Amino acid sequence: MANIISDETIEYVGILAKLELSDEEKEAAKKDMGRMLDYIDKLNELDTSGVEPMSHVFPVTNVFREDVVTNRDERDSILANAPEQKDGAFKVPKTVE
């Protein structure tokens, strides 16, 4: 394991994460962090000179539709179902004093 995590680093990470770790948990975290850093070192050995940078794994296209009005002014037919109406709007009982 090329990357050795110190006890101070584990303490600092525990403080940042607001965790209270036992001694066994600290040792396990040290081993886990060391394995993660070893894996990152292994990935850094890959030749990526011909690989184009990307922001997403899959090609991203605009999935939003155009904002086009598809219905017409149906105010009169909608208000026809209202028990009461006033000035082209629903009339409801007063709810605020």
Protein backbone atom coordinates (compact mmCIF):
# COMPACT_ATOMS: atom_id res chain seq x y z
CA MET A 1 0.00 0.00 0.00
CA ALA A 2 1.78 3.11 -1.27
CA ASN A 3 -0.66 5.52 0.35
CA ILE A 4 -0.42 5.44 4.12
CA ILE A 5 -3.15 7.33 5.92
CA SER A 6 -2.09 8.80 9.26
CA ASP A 7 -4.09 8.76 12.47
CA GLU A 8 -4.26 12.56 12.30
CA THR A 9 -5.89 12.37 8.87
CA ILE A 10 -8.53 9.96 10.15
CA GLU A 11 -9.17 12.21 13.17
CA TYR A 12 -9.50 15.24 10.88
CA VAL A 13 -11.90 13.46 8.51
CA GLY A 14 -13.93 12.28 11.51
CA ILE A 15 -14.19 15.85 12.77
CA LEU A 16 -15.24 17.13 9.35
CA ALA A 17 -17.86 14.39 9.02
CA LYS A 18 -18.96 14.91 12.64
CA LEU A 19 -18.35 11.23 13.40
CA GLU A 20 -17.19 9.64 16.63
CA LEU A 21 -15.18 6.61 15.56
CA SER A 22 -13.95 3.83 17.78
CA ASP A 23 -10.36 2.62 17.45
CA GLU A 24 -11.52 -0.36 15.35
CA GLU A 25 -13.53 1.91 13.06
CA LYS A 26 -10.55 4.23 12.66
CA GLU A 27 -8.33 1.33 11.62
CA ALA A 28 -10.95 0.09 9.15
CA ALA A 29 -11.30 3.61 7.74
CA LYS A 30 -7.53 3.87 7.33
CA LYS A 31 -7.46 0.63 5.36
CA ASP A 32 -10.44 1.67 3.22
CA MET A 33 -8.96 5.08 2.44
CA GLY A 34 -5.63 3.48 1.58
CA ARG A 35 -7.33 1.09 -0.85
CA MET A 36 -9.20 3.99 -2.46
CA LEU A 37 -6.01 5.98 -2.95
CA ASP A 38 -4.23 2.90 -4.35
CA TYR A 39 -7.05 2.47 -6.86
CA ILE A 40 -6.78 6.13 -7.89
CA ASP A 41 -3.04 5.65 -8.39
CA LYS A 42 -3.78 2.64 -10.58
CA LEU A 43 -6.25 4.70 -12.66
CA ASN A 44 -3.63 7.43 -13.05
CA GLU A 45 -1.37 4.90 -14.79
CA LEU A 46 -3.82 4.60 -17.72
CA ASP A 47 -2.91 6.28 -21.00
CA THR A 48 -5.70 8.77 -21.68
CA SER A 49 -3.88 10.85 -24.29
CA GLY A 50 -6.34 9.91 -27.07
CA VAL A 51 -9.48 10.24 -24.96
CA GLU A 52 -11.54 13.37 -25.43
CA PRO A 53 -12.77 14.96 -22.18
CA MET A 54 -16.49 14.74 -21.52
CA SER A 55 -18.93 15.97 -18.94
CA HIS A 56 -21.38 13.05 -19.22
CA VAL A 57 -21.03 9.36 -19.95
CA PHE A 58 -23.95 9.42 -22.38
CA PRO A 59 -24.47 12.01 -25.11
CA VAL A 60 -26.62 14.82 -23.79
CA THR A 61 -29.26 16.41 -25.98
CA ASN A 62 -31.85 19.01 -25.21
CA VAL A 63 -34.82 17.06 -23.86
CA PHE A 64 -37.05 20.06 -23.38
CA ARG A 65 -39.83 20.69 -25.84
CA GLU A 66 -40.60 24.05 -27.32
CA ASP A 67 -43.05 26.11 -25.28
CA VAL A 68 -45.91 26.21 -27.74
CA VAL A 69 -49.50 27.00 -26.79
CA THR A 70 -51.66 24.06 -27.86
CA ASN A 71 -54.98 24.97 -26.30
CA ARG A 72 -57.13 27.95 -27.07
CA ASP A 73 -59.01 30.35 -24.84
CA GLU A 74 -61.67 28.10 -23.32
CA ARG A 75 -62.65 30.39 -20.47
CA ASP A 76 -66.35 30.37 -21.29
CA SER A 77 -66.59 26.57 -21.49
CA ILE A 78 -64.61 26.18 -18.24
CA LEU A 79 -66.70 28.76 -16.39
CA ALA A 80 -69.86 27.05 -17.60
CA ASN A 81 -69.20 24.40 -14.96
CA ALA A 82 -68.78 26.93 -12.14
CA PRO A 83 -71.60 27.24 -9.60
CA GLU A 84 -70.98 31.01 -9.52
CA GLN A 85 -68.85 33.37 -11.58
CA LYS A 86 -68.04 37.05 -11.60
CA ASP A 87 -66.13 39.10 -14.18
CA GLY A 88 -64.87 36.02 -16.06
CA ALA A 89 -63.56 34.21 -12.95
CA PHE A 90 -64.77 31.70 -10.40
CA LYS A 91 -66.61 33.26 -7.48
CA VAL A 92 -65.74 31.54 -4.20
CA PRO A 93 -66.58 32.23 -0.57
CA LYS A 94 -64.28 34.62 1.26
CA THR A 95 -61.60 32.69 3.17
CA VAL A 96 -59.52 35.50 4.70
CA GLU A 97 -60.82 38.04 7.18
